[in-house]
Amino acid sequence: MKNGLVISDTGPIFSYKKARNIAENLGIQCICTIGLLSNAREKGIISELRPLFEAFLKNKRYYSLDLLNSILRLHQEDEIK
């Protein structure tokens, strides 16, 4: 995905927002990366979220620190300062 467009070998197919709206209108639940990781943590598939969140921030993945810390609190992990 680049600039909100899903990219294939032949070029942009559709915008992420449009695709998400279509999926939700069809009753398909969409979750983002943070939601997917939170679910994996809840099910014991991954043991810690904080190192992943710190890697996101280090690699310029732009997530709100408030959002990340709220998810960390939910899973009783130490917040990112």
Protein backbone atom coordinates (compact mmCIF):
# COMPACT_ATOMS: atom_id res chain seq x y z
CA MET A 1 0.00 0.00 0.00
CA LYS A 2 1.31 3.44 -0.86
CA ASN A 3 -0.46 6.73 -0.06
CA GLY A 4 -3.68 4.88 0.72
CA LEU A 5 -3.68 2.90 -2.54
CA VAL A 6 -3.39 -0.85 -2.76
CA ILE A 7 -0.63 -1.54 -5.29
CA SER A 8 -0.24 -4.62 -7.50
CA ASP A 9 2.25 -5.50 -10.22
CA THR A 10 -0.01 -3.71 -12.69
CA GLY A 11 -0.43 -0.56 -10.60
CA PRO A 12 -2.95 0.88 -8.15
CA ILE A 13 -6.16 -1.10 -7.78
CA PHE A 14 -8.22 0.88 -5.27
CA SER A 15 -7.90 3.05 -2.22
CA TYR A 16 -7.61 1.41 1.18
CA LYS A 17 -10.44 3.55 2.53
CA LYS A 18 -12.77 2.57 -0.32
CA ALA A 19 -11.87 -1.12 0.05
CA ARG A 20 -12.48 -0.95 3.80
CA ASN A 21 -15.87 0.70 3.26
CA ILE A 22 -16.89 -1.97 0.75
CA ALA A 23 -15.79 -4.77 3.08
CA GLU A 24 -17.64 -3.28 6.05
CA ASN A 25 -20.78 -2.82 3.93
CA LEU A 26 -20.56 -6.55 3.17
CA GLY A 27 -20.36 -7.31 6.88
CA ILE A 28 -16.66 -8.16 6.84
CA GLN A 29 -14.90 -6.99 9.98
CA CYS A 30 -11.74 -5.03 9.22
CA ILE A 31 -8.99 -4.55 11.76
CA CYS A 32 -5.76 -2.64 11.51
CA THR A 33 -2.26 -3.81 12.34
CA ILE A 34 -2.56 -2.71 15.97
CA GLY A 35 -5.86 -4.57 16.36
CA LEU A 36 -4.40 -7.70 14.80
CA LEU A 37 -1.41 -7.61 17.13
CA SER A 38 -3.64 -6.95 20.14
CA ASN A 39 -5.73 -10.00 19.26
CA ALA A 40 -2.58 -12.11 18.82
CA ARG A 41 -1.35 -10.97 22.25
CA GLU A 42 -4.71 -11.79 23.81
CA LYS A 43 -4.59 -15.32 22.34
CA GLY A 44 -0.99 -15.89 23.45
CA ILE A 45 0.39 -16.01 19.92
CA ILE A 46 2.84 -13.23 20.80
CA SER A 47 4.09 -12.56 24.32
CA GLU A 48 4.78 -8.81 24.20
CA LEU A 49 3.52 -5.86 22.20
CA ARG A 50 5.86 -3.18 23.45
CA PRO A 51 8.96 -4.28 21.45
CA LEU A 52 6.85 -4.34 18.29
CA PHE A 53 5.37 -0.92 19.00
CA GLU A 54 8.83 0.49 19.72
CA ALA A 55 10.06 -0.92 16.40
CA PHE A 56 7.14 0.77 14.62
CA LEU A 57 8.07 4.12 16.12
CA LYS A 58 11.79 3.64 15.41
CA ASN A 59 11.01 2.82 11.77
CA LYS A 60 8.76 5.86 11.31
CA ARG A 61 5.42 4.02 11.41
CA TYR A 62 3.15 6.79 12.60
CA TYR A 63 0.86 5.61 15.36
CA SER A 64 -0.36 7.79 18.18
CA LEU A 65 1.63 7.19 21.34
CA ASP A 66 -1.65 7.52 23.26
CA LEU A 67 -3.16 4.71 21.18
CA LEU A 68 -0.13 2.45 21.60
CA ASN A 69 0.01 3.08 25.35
CA SER A 70 -3.72 2.42 25.75
CA ILE A 71 -3.25 -0.97 24.08
CA LEU A 72 -0.22 -1.67 26.27
CA ARG A 73 -2.24 -0.81 29.40
CA LEU A 74 -5.02 -3.10 28.23
CA HIS A 75 -2.51 -5.96 28.13
CA GLN A 76 -0.82 -4.84 31.39
CA GLU A 77 2.47 -3.99 29.70
CA ASP A 78 4.70 -1.03 30.52
CA GLU A 79 3.93 2.14 28.58
CA ILE A 80 6.31 3.72 26.11
CA LYS A 81 7.72 6.99 27.43
